[in-house]
Amino acid sequence: MARAAVKAKQQAQATQKAKAQPAKARQHGRRKHASGGNPNQQLFFVRMRRRAKPMYYLLAALFALTFIFLGVGTGTNGGLDQLFNNLNIFHHGGTSVSSALKETEKNPKDPKGFRDLATAYEAKNETPGAIGALQQYTALRPKAVAEWSELGGLEMTNAQTLLTQYQDAYTAEGLAAPSQVLAPSSSSPLEKALGANPIEQVASTGINSEVSTIGQGIEEAYSGAVSAYQTAAKLQPDNANAWFQLAQAAQTANDNRVAVGAYEKFLKLNPDSSSASQVRQLIKQLSG
């Protein structure tokens, strides 16, 4: 009996010990992962942090170089001003035409007002107004290279707009007076016998006047563009692009002498340009 009792007691102790071991293992597991969850996830984020450190240093270096290039912290901020001027972003806070006009009337000798006025007109796609404002600005600041180039571009844009109007008016002239297109020569006996159509004569007279006015405006716009680009090129004689812009404007305006001279300047400054061969051909054509 005593042996049976001892054996039963040993079996009971073994059973209790077996039940206690999984509980301890579970507690140990909870203690092991209580702070970080899945150990694979912990390792992943550790690797990410290690790889991110060089990228942080690279970004910091890029920001520093950019700030140095733009002149941030130097007291001049010329780089930022040039960047925003070229992009036409944040320029003078988007001043309206009316407020800019008031400013120019109040301070007619202050170029800033005319710069604001030109920008305001450009924002409204009113090219003639912008041209007038920039003409005033460049008169007050004759060495403003960027504005001279801008003025040349606006004059070219205005010329193209007027050219479209000219073509429309010319077409309207033919519709208003079709006999002028289809009728026999004015010196022929038939034309003398028929005489002029009085209704067509009145209509075509008004349109002829409009066509003439627009044509004069085109010539003035091209002339203004060439003049503005000439000034810009002379202010920066080592800028090949400035001479190329002048050459193109002069060629469009049929001013071959100026175009050839500007193209030659461009080739002298940029002989290895990808367009050099084409420019040489243009010079031959325009010189012939």
C-alpha atoms as a PDB file:
ATOM      1  CA  MET A   1       0.000   0.000   0.000  1.00  0.00           C
ATOM      2  CA  ALA A   2       2.830   2.363   0.941  1.00  0.00           C
ATOM      3  CA  ARG A   3       4.544   1.730  -2.385  1.00  0.00           C
ATOM      4  CA  ALA A   4       1.351   2.370  -4.298  1.00  0.00           C
ATOM      5  CA  ALA A   5       0.856   5.647  -2.466  1.00  0.00           C
ATOM      6  CA  VAL A   6       4.411   6.805  -3.208  1.00  0.00           C
ATOM      7  CA  LYS A   7       4.047   5.882  -6.888  1.00  0.00           C
ATOM      8  CA  ALA A   8       0.766   7.746  -7.189  1.00  0.00           C
ATOM      9  CA  LYS A   9       2.317  10.827  -5.584  1.00  0.00           C
ATOM     10  CA  GLN A  10       5.258  10.775  -8.056  1.00  0.00           C
ATOM     11  CA  GLN A  11       2.884  10.520 -11.033  1.00  0.00           C
ATOM     12  CA  ALA A  12       0.862  13.480  -9.749  1.00  0.00           C
ATOM     13  CA  GLN A  13       4.020  15.606  -9.370  1.00  0.00           C
ATOM     14  CA  ALA A  14       5.147  14.712 -12.912  1.00  0.00           C
ATOM     15  CA  THR A  15       1.756  15.691 -14.319  1.00  0.00           C
ATOM     16  CA  GLN A  16       1.815  19.065 -12.525  1.00  0.00           C
ATOM     17  CA  LYS A  17       5.369  19.736 -13.767  1.00  0.00           C
ATOM     18  CA  ALA A  18       4.379  18.986 -17.373  1.00  0.00           C
ATOM     19  CA  LYS A  19       1.437  21.399 -17.162  1.00  0.00           C
ATOM     20  CA  ALA A  20       3.609  24.117 -15.641  1.00  0.00           C
ATOM     21  CA  GLN A  21       6.268  24.047 -18.402  1.00  0.00           C
ATOM     22  CA  PRO A  22       4.038  25.323 -21.313  1.00  0.00           C
ATOM     23  CA  ALA A  23       2.810  28.164 -19.125  1.00  0.00           C
ATOM     24  CA  LYS A  24       6.374  29.219 -18.367  1.00  0.00           C
ATOM     25  CA  ALA A  25       7.266  28.961 -22.049  1.00  0.00           C
ATOM     26  CA  ARG A  26       4.310  31.167 -22.959  1.00  0.00           C
ATOM     27  CA  GLN A  27       5.301  33.725 -20.331  1.00  0.00           C
ATOM     28  CA  HIS A  28       8.894  33.644 -21.607  1.00  0.00           C
ATOM     29  CA  GLY A  29       7.646  34.170 -25.159  1.00  0.00           C
ATOM     30  CA  ARG A  30       5.512  37.111 -24.102  1.00  0.00           C
ATOM     31  CA  ARG A  31       8.440  38.692 -22.291  1.00  0.00           C
ATOM     32  CA  LYS A  32      10.669  38.151 -25.323  1.00  0.00           C
ATOM     33  CA  HIS A  33       8.360  39.881 -27.828  1.00  0.00           C
ATOM     34  CA  ALA A  34       6.485  42.257 -25.552  1.00  0.00           C
ATOM     35  CA  SER A  35       8.500  45.305 -26.634  1.00  0.00           C
ATOM     36  CA  GLY A  36       8.704  44.758 -30.392  1.00  0.00           C
ATOM     37  CA  GLY A  37       6.192  42.276 -31.752  1.00  0.00           C
ATOM     38  CA  ASN A  38       7.456  40.261 -34.683  1.00  0.00           C
ATOM     39  CA  PRO A  39      11.301  40.181 -34.657  1.00  0.00           C
ATOM     40  CA  ASN A  40      11.367  40.187 -38.495  1.00  0.00           C
ATOM     41  CA  GLN A  41       9.496  43.493 -38.526  1.00  0.00           C
ATOM     42  CA  GLN A  42      11.956  44.947 -36.019  1.00  0.00           C
ATOM     43  CA  LEU A  43      14.860  43.931 -38.251  1.00  0.00           C
ATOM     44  CA  PHE A  44      13.174  45.461 -41.331  1.00  0.00           C
ATOM     45  CA  PHE A  45      12.765  48.879 -39.698  1.00  0.00           C
ATOM     46  CA  VAL A  46      16.314  48.822 -38.366  1.00  0.00           C
ATOM     47  CA  ARG A  47      17.568  48.260 -41.930  1.00  0.00           C
ATOM     48  CA  MET A  48      15.363  51.056 -43.237  1.00  0.00           C
ATOM     49  CA  ARG A  49      16.749  53.511 -40.687  1.00  0.00           C
ATOM     50  CA  ARG A  50      20.308  52.560 -41.567  1.00  0.00           C
ATOM     51  CA  ARG A  51      19.684  53.046 -45.298  1.00  0.00           C
ATOM     52  CA  ALA A  52      17.885  56.348 -44.761  1.00  0.00           C
ATOM     53  CA  LYS A  53      20.824  58.032 -43.034  1.00  0.00           C
ATOM     54  CA  PRO A  54      22.923  58.507 -46.219  1.00  0.00           C
ATOM     55  CA  MET A  55      19.851  59.874 -48.029  1.00  0.00           C
ATOM     56  CA  TYR A  56      19.318  62.469 -45.291  1.00  0.00           C
ATOM     57  CA  TYR A  57      22.919  63.626 -45.683  1.00  0.00           C
ATOM     58  CA  LEU A  58      22.543  63.806 -49.483  1.00  0.00           C
ATOM     59  CA  LEU A  59      19.347  65.869 -49.281  1.00  0.00           C
ATOM     60  CA  ALA A  60      20.935  68.207 -46.759  1.00  0.00           C
ATOM     61  CA  ALA A  61      23.893  68.746 -49.085  1.00  0.00           C
ATOM     62  CA  LEU A  62      21.592  69.423 -52.066  1.00  0.00           C
ATOM     63  CA  PHE A  63      19.589  71.976 -50.112  1.00  0.00           C
ATOM     64  CA  ALA A  64      22.773  73.694 -48.996  1.00  0.00           C
ATOM     65  CA  LEU A  65      24.133  73.885 -52.553  1.00  0.00           C
ATOM     66  CA  THR A  66      20.800  75.179 -53.856  1.00  0.00           C
ATOM     67  CA  PHE A  67      20.663  77.907 -51.230  1.00  0.00           C
ATOM     68  CA  ILE A  68      24.224  78.939 -52.026  1.00  0.00           C
ATOM     69  CA  PHE A  69      23.438  79.051 -55.763  1.00  0.00           C
ATOM     70  CA  LEU A  70      20.319  81.158 -55.204  1.00  0.00           C
ATOM     71  CA  GLY A  71      22.082  83.491 -52.792  1.00  0.00           C
ATOM     72  CA  VAL A  72      19.872  82.733 -49.809  1.00  0.00           C
ATOM     73  CA  GLY A  73      21.353  84.238 -46.658  1.00  0.00           C
ATOM     74  CA  THR A  74      23.781  86.492 -48.506  1.00  0.00           C
ATOM     75  CA  GLY A  75      21.567  89.562 -48.311  1.00  0.00           C
ATOM     76  CA  THR A  76      21.194  89.830 -52.079  1.00  0.00           C
ATOM     77  CA  ASN A  77      18.800  87.025 -53.085  1.00  0.00           C
ATOM     78  CA  GLY A  78      19.670  87.748 -56.695  1.00  0.00           C
ATOM     79  CA  GLY A  79      19.349  84.105 -57.614  1.00  0.00           C
ATOM     80  CA  LEU A  80      15.833  83.829 -56.223  1.00  0.00           C
ATOM     81  CA  ASP A  81      14.758  87.055 -57.888  1.00  0.00           C
ATOM     82  CA  GLN A  82      16.148  85.874 -61.213  1.00  0.00           C
ATOM     83  CA  LEU A  83      14.466  82.491 -60.841  1.00  0.00           C
ATOM     84  CA  PHE A  84      11.054  83.970 -60.078  1.00  0.00           C
ATOM     85  CA  ASN A  85      11.406  86.624 -62.794  1.00  0.00           C
ATOM     86  CA  ASN A  86      12.210  84.008 -65.439  1.00  0.00           C
ATOM     87  CA  LEU A  87       9.307  81.816 -64.340  1.00  0.00           C
ATOM     88  CA  ASN A  88       6.981  84.833 -63.981  1.00  0.00           C
ATOM     89  CA  ILE A  89       5.971  83.485 -60.541  1.00  0.00           C
ATOM     90  CA  PHE A  90       5.170  85.638 -57.513  1.00  0.00           C
ATOM     91  CA  HIS A  91       6.127  88.690 -59.536  1.00  0.00           C
ATOM     92  CA  HIS A  92       5.093  91.761 -57.579  1.00  0.00           C
ATOM     93  CA  GLY A  93       2.204  89.925 -55.964  1.00  0.00           C
ATOM     94  CA  GLY A  94      -0.130  89.939 -58.977  1.00  0.00           C
ATOM     95  CA  THR A  95      -0.841  93.671 -59.084  1.00  0.00           C
ATOM     96  CA  SER A  96      -3.994  94.598 -61.016  1.00  0.00           C
ATOM     97  CA  VAL A  97      -3.935  96.891 -64.030  1.00  0.00           C
ATOM     98  CA  SER A  98      -5.939  99.609 -62.285  1.00  0.00           C
ATOM     99  CA  SER A  99      -3.727  99.721 -59.208  1.00  0.00           C
ATOM    100  CA  ALA A 100      -0.567  99.635 -61.338  1.00  0.00           C
ATOM    101  CA  LEU A 101      -1.873 102.527 -63.445  1.00  0.00           C
ATOM    102  CA  LYS A 102      -2.530 104.544 -60.298  1.00  0.00           C
ATOM    103  CA  GLU A 103       1.007 103.831 -59.139  1.00  0.00           C
ATOM    104  CA  THR A 104       2.511 105.029 -62.434  1.00  0.00           C
ATOM    105  CA  GLU A 105       0.420 108.200 -62.298  1.00  0.00           C
ATOM    106  CA  LYS A 106       1.509 108.813 -58.726  1.00  0.00           C
ATOM    107  CA  ASN A 107       5.206 108.085 -59.363  1.00  0.00           C
ATOM    108  CA  PRO A 108       5.893 108.441 -63.108  1.00  0.00           C
ATOM    109  CA  LYS A 109       9.654 108.250 -62.557  1.00  0.00           C
ATOM    110  CA  ASP A 110       9.521 104.979 -60.628  1.00  0.00           C
ATOM    111  CA  PRO A 111      10.245 102.044 -62.981  1.00  0.00           C
ATOM    112  CA  LYS A 112       8.695  99.545 -60.565  1.00  0.00           C
ATOM    113  CA  GLY A 113       5.212 100.823 -61.339  1.00  0.00           C
ATOM    114  CA  PHE A 114       5.674 100.251 -65.072  1.00  0.00           C
ATOM    115  CA  ARG A 115       7.144  96.800 -64.413  1.00  0.00           C
ATOM    116  CA  ASP A 116       4.043  95.953 -62.387  1.00  0.00           C
ATOM    117  CA  LEU A 117       1.816  97.399 -65.090  1.00  0.00           C
ATOM    118  CA  ALA A 118       3.471  95.325 -67.818  1.00  0.00           C
ATOM    119  CA  THR A 119       3.066  92.153 -65.770  1.00  0.00           C
ATOM    120  CA  ALA A 120      -0.587  92.960 -65.084  1.00  0.00           C
ATOM    121  CA  TYR A 121      -1.289  93.503 -68.791  1.00  0.00           C
ATOM    122  CA  GLU A 122       0.497  90.269 -69.685  1.00  0.00           C
ATOM    123  CA  ALA A 123      -1.620  88.369 -67.157  1.00  0.00           C
ATOM    124  CA  LYS A 124      -4.701  89.604 -69.033  1.00  0.00           C
ATOM    125  CA  ASN A 125      -3.167  88.821 -72.460  1.00  0.00           C
ATOM    126  CA  GLU A 126      -3.295  92.511 -73.377  1.00  0.00           C
ATOM    127  CA  THR A 127      -0.077  92.615 -75.378  1.00  0.00           C
ATOM    128  CA  PRO A 128      -0.248  96.237 -76.620  1.00  0.00           C
ATOM    129  CA  GLY A 129      -0.676  97.496 -73.057  1.00  0.00           C
ATOM    130  CA  ALA A 130       2.258  95.395 -71.876  1.00  0.00           C
ATOM    131  CA  ILE A 131       4.394  96.740 -74.717  1.00  0.00           C
ATOM    132  CA  GLY A 132       3.637 100.330 -73.781  1.00  0.00           C
ATOM    133  CA  ALA A 133       4.443  99.690 -70.124  1.00  0.00           C
ATOM    134  CA  LEU A 134       7.750  98.001 -70.947  1.00  0.00           C
ATOM    135  CA  GLN A 135       8.677 100.837 -73.273  1.00  0.00           C
ATOM    136  CA  GLN A 136       8.247 103.209 -70.337  1.00  0.00           C
ATOM    137  CA  TYR A 137      10.206 100.869 -68.077  1.00  0.00           C
ATOM    138  CA  THR A 138      13.169 100.509 -70.450  1.00  0.00           C
ATOM    139  CA  ALA A 139      13.225 104.279 -70.925  1.00  0.00           C
ATOM    140  CA  LEU A 140      13.790 104.596 -67.169  1.00  0.00           C
ATOM    141  CA  ARG A 141      16.124 101.589 -67.000  1.00  0.00           C
ATOM    142  CA  PRO A 142      17.896 101.427 -70.360  1.00  0.00           C
ATOM    143  CA  LYS A 143      20.261  98.635 -69.259  1.00  0.00           C
ATOM    144  CA  ALA A 144      17.551  96.189 -68.172  1.00  0.00           C
ATOM    145  CA  VAL A 145      18.515  93.282 -70.438  1.00  0.00           C
ATOM    146  CA  ALA A 146      15.664  90.988 -69.411  1.00  0.00           C
ATOM    147  CA  GLU A 147      13.032  93.638 -70.123  1.00  0.00           C
ATOM    148  CA  TRP A 148      14.515  94.462 -73.519  1.00  0.00           C
ATOM    149  CA  SER A 149      14.323  90.797 -74.495  1.00  0.00           C
ATOM    150  CA  GLU A 150      10.811  90.569 -73.096  1.00  0.00           C
ATOM    151  CA  LEU A 151       9.802  93.634 -75.077  1.00  0.00           C
ATOM    152  CA  GLY A 152      11.157  92.083 -78.271  1.00  0.00           C
ATOM    153  CA  GLY A 153       9.139  88.929 -77.662  1.00  0.00           C
ATOM    154  CA  LEU A 154       5.957  90.908 -77.031  1.00  0.00           C
ATOM    155  CA  GLU A 155       6.466  92.912 -80.225  1.00  0.00           C
ATOM    156  CA  MET A 156       6.816  89.669 -82.191  1.00  0.00           C
ATOM    157  CA  THR A 157       3.654  88.298 -80.583  1.00  0.00           C
ATOM    158  CA  ASN A 158       1.801  91.483 -81.448  1.00  0.00           C
ATOM    159  CA  ALA A 159       3.008  91.287 -85.049  1.00  0.00           C
ATOM    160  CA  GLN A 160       1.695  87.734 -85.390  1.00  0.00           C
ATOM    161  CA  THR A 161      -1.683  88.768 -83.972  1.00  0.00           C
ATOM    162  CA  LEU A 162      -1.894  91.683 -86.391  1.00  0.00           C
ATOM    163  CA  LEU A 163      -0.875  89.429 -89.257  1.00  0.00           C
ATOM    164  CA  THR A 164      -3.858  87.180 -88.545  1.00  0.00           C
ATOM    165  CA  GLN A 165      -6.136  90.218 -88.470  1.00  0.00           C
ATOM    166  CA  TYR A 166      -4.629  91.396 -91.742  1.00  0.00           C
ATOM    167  CA  GLN A 167      -5.382  88.077 -93.441  1.00  0.00           C
ATOM    168  CA  ASP A 168      -8.964  88.145 -92.163  1.00  0.00           C
ATOM    169  CA  ALA A 169      -9.462  91.715 -93.360  1.00  0.00           C
ATOM    170  CA  TYR A 170      -7.948  90.886 -96.744  1.00  0.00           C
ATOM    171  CA  THR A 171     -10.364  87.974 -97.117  1.00  0.00           C
ATOM    172  CA  ALA A 172     -13.253  90.230 -96.127  1.00  0.00           C
ATOM    173  CA  GLU A 173     -12.168  92.702 -98.782  1.00  0.00           C
ATOM    174  CA  GLY A 174     -12.518  90.036-101.458  1.00  0.00           C
ATOM    175  CA  LEU A 175     -15.971  89.081-100.152  1.00  0.00           C
ATOM    176  CA  ALA A 176     -17.123  92.698-100.023  1.00  0.00           C
ATOM    177  CA  ALA A 177     -15.998  93.433-103.560  1.00  0.00           C
ATOM    178  CA  PRO A 178     -15.956  90.172-105.538  1.00  0.00           C
ATOM    179  CA  SER A 179     -16.006  92.030-108.834  1.00  0.00           C
ATOM    180  CA  GLN A 180     -12.517  93.321-107.996  1.00  0.00           C
ATOM    181  CA  VAL A 181     -11.349  89.729-108.001  1.00  0.00           C
ATOM    182  CA  LEU A 182     -13.352  88.406-110.966  1.00  0.00           C
ATOM    183  CA  ALA A 183     -13.978  91.538-113.023  1.00  0.00           C
ATOM    184  CA  PRO A 184     -12.003  92.333-116.179  1.00  0.00           C
ATOM    185  CA  SER A 185      -9.159  94.819-116.190  1.00  0.00           C
ATOM    186  CA  SER A 186     -10.097  98.429-115.449  1.00  0.00           C
ATOM    187  CA  SER A 187      -8.587  99.470-118.768  1.00  0.00           C
ATOM    188  CA  SER A 188     -10.731  97.065-120.797  1.00  0.00           C
ATOM    189  CA  PRO A 189     -13.740  98.393-122.755  1.00  0.00           C
ATOM    190  CA  LEU A 190     -16.063  96.004-120.894  1.00  0.00           C
ATOM    191  CA  GLU A 191     -15.076  97.365-117.502  1.00  0.00           C
ATOM    192  CA  LYS A 192     -15.487 100.935-118.702  1.00  0.00           C
ATOM    193  CA  ALA A 193     -18.920 100.103-120.039  1.00  0.00           C
ATOM    194  CA  LEU A 194     -20.076  98.339-116.865  1.00  0.00           C
ATOM    195  CA  GLY A 195     -18.706 100.948-114.506  1.00  0.00           C
ATOM    196  CA  ALA A 196     -17.983 100.442-110.812  1.00  0.00           C
ATOM    197  CA  ASN A 197     -20.533  98.921-108.442  1.00  0.00           C
ATOM    198  CA  PRO A 198     -21.276 101.757-105.965  1.00  0.00           C
ATOM    199  CA  ILE A 199     -22.241  99.384-103.100  1.00  0.00           C
ATOM    200  CA  GLU A 200     -19.079  97.360-103.495  1.00  0.00           C
ATOM    201  CA  GLN A 201     -17.063 100.566-103.753  1.00  0.00           C
ATOM    202  CA  VAL A 202     -18.286 101.835-100.379  1.00  0.00           C
ATOM    203  CA  ALA A 203     -17.712  98.472 -98.658  1.00  0.00           C
ATOM    204  CA  SER A 204     -14.255  97.927-100.090  1.00  0.00           C
ATOM    205  CA  THR A 205     -13.135 101.480 -99.272  1.00  0.00           C
ATOM    206  CA  GLY A 206     -13.658 100.930 -95.534  1.00  0.00           C
ATOM    207  CA  ILE A 207     -11.999  97.523 -95.596  1.00  0.00           C
ATOM    208  CA  ASN A 208      -9.082  98.836 -97.649  1.00  0.00           C
ATOM    209  CA  SER A 209      -8.505 101.452 -94.968  1.00  0.00           C
ATOM    210  CA  GLU A 210      -8.555  98.764 -92.262  1.00  0.00           C
ATOM    211  CA  VAL A 211      -6.139  96.562 -94.182  1.00  0.00           C
ATOM    212  CA  SER A 212      -3.790  99.496 -94.655  1.00  0.00           C
ATOM    213  CA  THR A 213      -3.888 100.383 -90.949  1.00  0.00           C
ATOM    214  CA  ILE A 214      -3.222  96.800 -89.867  1.00  0.00           C
ATOM    215  CA  GLY A 215      -0.385  96.477 -92.366  1.00  0.00           C
ATOM    216  CA  GLN A 216       1.265  99.576 -90.943  1.00  0.00           C
ATOM    217  CA  GLY A 217       0.883  98.139 -87.445  1.00  0.00           C
ATOM    218  CA  ILE A 218       2.629  94.929 -88.518  1.00  0.00           C
ATOM    219  CA  GLU A 219       5.604  96.861 -89.866  1.00  0.00           C
ATOM    220  CA  GLU A 220       5.862  98.891 -86.661  1.00  0.00           C
ATOM    221  CA  ALA A 221       5.672  95.766 -84.498  1.00  0.00           C
ATOM    222  CA  TYR A 222       8.437  93.998 -86.426  1.00  0.00           C
ATOM    223  CA  SER A 223      10.567  97.124 -86.335  1.00  0.00           C
ATOM    224  CA  GLY A 224      10.038  97.419 -82.574  1.00  0.00           C
ATOM    225  CA  ALA A 225      10.994  93.776 -82.066  1.00  0.00           C
ATOM    226  CA  VAL A 226      14.224  94.126 -84.032  1.00  0.00           C
ATOM    227  CA  SER A 227      15.129  97.309 -82.181  1.00  0.00           C
ATOM    228  CA  ALA A 228      14.491  95.741 -78.766  1.00  0.00           C
ATOM    229  CA  TYR A 229      16.501  92.613 -79.589  1.00  0.00           C
ATOM    230  CA  GLN A 230      19.325  94.755 -80.943  1.00  0.00           C
ATOM    231  CA  THR A 231      19.537  96.609 -77.644  1.00  0.00           C
ATOM    232  CA  ALA A 232      19.462  93.357 -75.665  1.00  0.00           C
ATOM    233  CA  ALA A 233      22.250  91.878 -77.809  1.00  0.00           C
ATOM    234  CA  LYS A 234      24.438  94.966 -77.488  1.00  0.00           C
ATOM    235  CA  LEU A 235      24.032  94.911 -73.706  1.00  0.00           C
ATOM    236  CA  GLN A 236      25.284  91.306 -73.629  1.00  0.00           C
ATOM    237  CA  PRO A 237      27.572  90.977 -76.660  1.00  0.00           C
ATOM    238  CA  ASP A 238      28.945  87.594 -75.564  1.00  0.00           C
ATOM    239  CA  ASN A 239      25.506  85.972 -75.341  1.00  0.00           C
ATOM    240  CA  ALA A 240      25.019  83.802 -78.432  1.00  0.00           C
ATOM    241  CA  ASN A 241      21.313  83.314 -77.762  1.00  0.00           C
ATOM    242  CA  ALA A 242      20.723  87.074 -77.764  1.00  0.00           C
ATOM    243  CA  TRP A 243      22.191  87.353 -81.259  1.00  0.00           C
ATOM    244  CA  PHE A 244      20.201  84.350 -82.440  1.00  0.00           C
ATOM    245  CA  GLN A 245      16.948  85.948 -81.216  1.00  0.00           C
ATOM    246  CA  LEU A 246      17.849  89.140 -83.036  1.00  0.00           C
ATOM    247  CA  ALA A 247      18.650  87.222 -86.222  1.00  0.00           C
ATOM    248  CA  GLN A 248      15.325  85.396 -86.203  1.00  0.00           C
ATOM    249  CA  ALA A 249      13.338  88.575 -85.553  1.00  0.00           C
ATOM    250  CA  ALA A 250      15.171  90.441 -88.313  1.00  0.00           C
ATOM    251  CA  GLN A 251      14.687  87.565 -90.754  1.00  0.00           C
ATOM    252  CA  THR A 252      10.951  87.518 -90.013  1.00  0.00           C
ATOM    253  CA  ALA A 253      10.839  91.280 -90.547  1.00  0.00           C
ATOM    254  CA  ASN A 254      12.657  90.857 -93.906  1.00  0.00           C
ATOM    255  CA  ASP A 255      15.601  92.896 -92.608  1.00  0.00           C
ATOM    256  CA  ASN A 256      18.211  90.664 -94.202  1.00  0.00           C
ATOM    257  CA  ARG A 257      21.169  92.904 -93.450  1.00  0.00           C
ATOM    258  CA  VAL A 258      20.580  92.811 -89.693  1.00  0.00           C
ATOM    259  CA  ALA A 259      19.688  89.108 -89.810  1.00  0.00           C
ATOM    260  CA  VAL A 260      22.937  88.159 -91.564  1.00  0.00           C
ATOM    261  CA  GLY A 261      25.045  90.209 -89.161  1.00  0.00           C
ATOM    262  CA  ALA A 262      23.337  88.669 -86.138  1.00  0.00           C
ATOM    263  CA  TYR A 263      23.678  85.133 -87.501  1.00  0.00           C
ATOM    264  CA  GLU A 264      27.392  85.735 -88.088  1.00  0.00           C
ATOM    265  CA  LYS A 265      27.774  86.931 -84.493  1.00  0.00           C
ATOM    266  CA  PHE A 266      26.001  83.811 -83.305  1.00  0.00           C
ATOM    267  CA  LEU A 267      28.338  81.529 -85.264  1.00  0.00           C
ATOM    268  CA  LYS A 268      31.384  83.375 -84.000  1.00  0.00           C
ATOM    269  CA  LEU A 269      30.304  82.858 -80.393  1.00  0.00           C
ATOM    270  CA  ASN A 270      28.947  79.352 -80.885  1.00  0.00           C
ATOM    271  CA  PRO A 271      30.710  77.723 -83.863  1.00  0.00           C
ATOM    272  CA  ASP A 272      30.056  74.177 -82.664  1.00  0.00           C
ATOM    273  CA  SER A 273      26.301  74.625 -82.327  1.00  0.00           C
ATOM    274  CA  SER A 274      24.099  71.797 -83.591  1.00  0.00           C
ATOM    275  CA  SER A 275      22.356  74.346 -85.836  1.00  0.00           C
ATOM    276  CA  ALA A 276      25.594  75.835 -87.211  1.00  0.00           C
ATOM    277  CA  SER A 277      25.254  74.233 -90.656  1.00  0.00           C
ATOM    278  CA  GLN A 278      21.665  75.437 -91.015  1.00  0.00           C
ATOM    279  CA  VAL A 279      22.660  78.944 -89.941  1.00  0.00           C
ATOM    280  CA  ARG A 280      25.421  79.028 -92.568  1.00  0.00           C
ATOM    281  CA  GLN A 281      22.895  78.055 -95.236  1.00  0.00           C
ATOM    282  CA  LEU A 282      20.569  80.827 -94.057  1.00  0.00           C
ATOM    283  CA  ILE A 283      23.385  83.348 -94.298  1.00  0.00           C
ATOM    284  CA  LYS A 284      24.016  82.332 -97.920  1.00  0.00           C
ATOM    285  CA  GLN A 285      20.321  82.582 -98.779  1.00  0.00           C
ATOM    286  CA  LEU A 286      19.845  85.955 -97.099  1.00  0.00           C
ATOM    287  CA  SER A 287      23.035  87.375 -98.604  1.00  0.00           C
ATOM    288  CA  GLY A 288      22.072  86.399-102.158  1.00  0.00           C
END
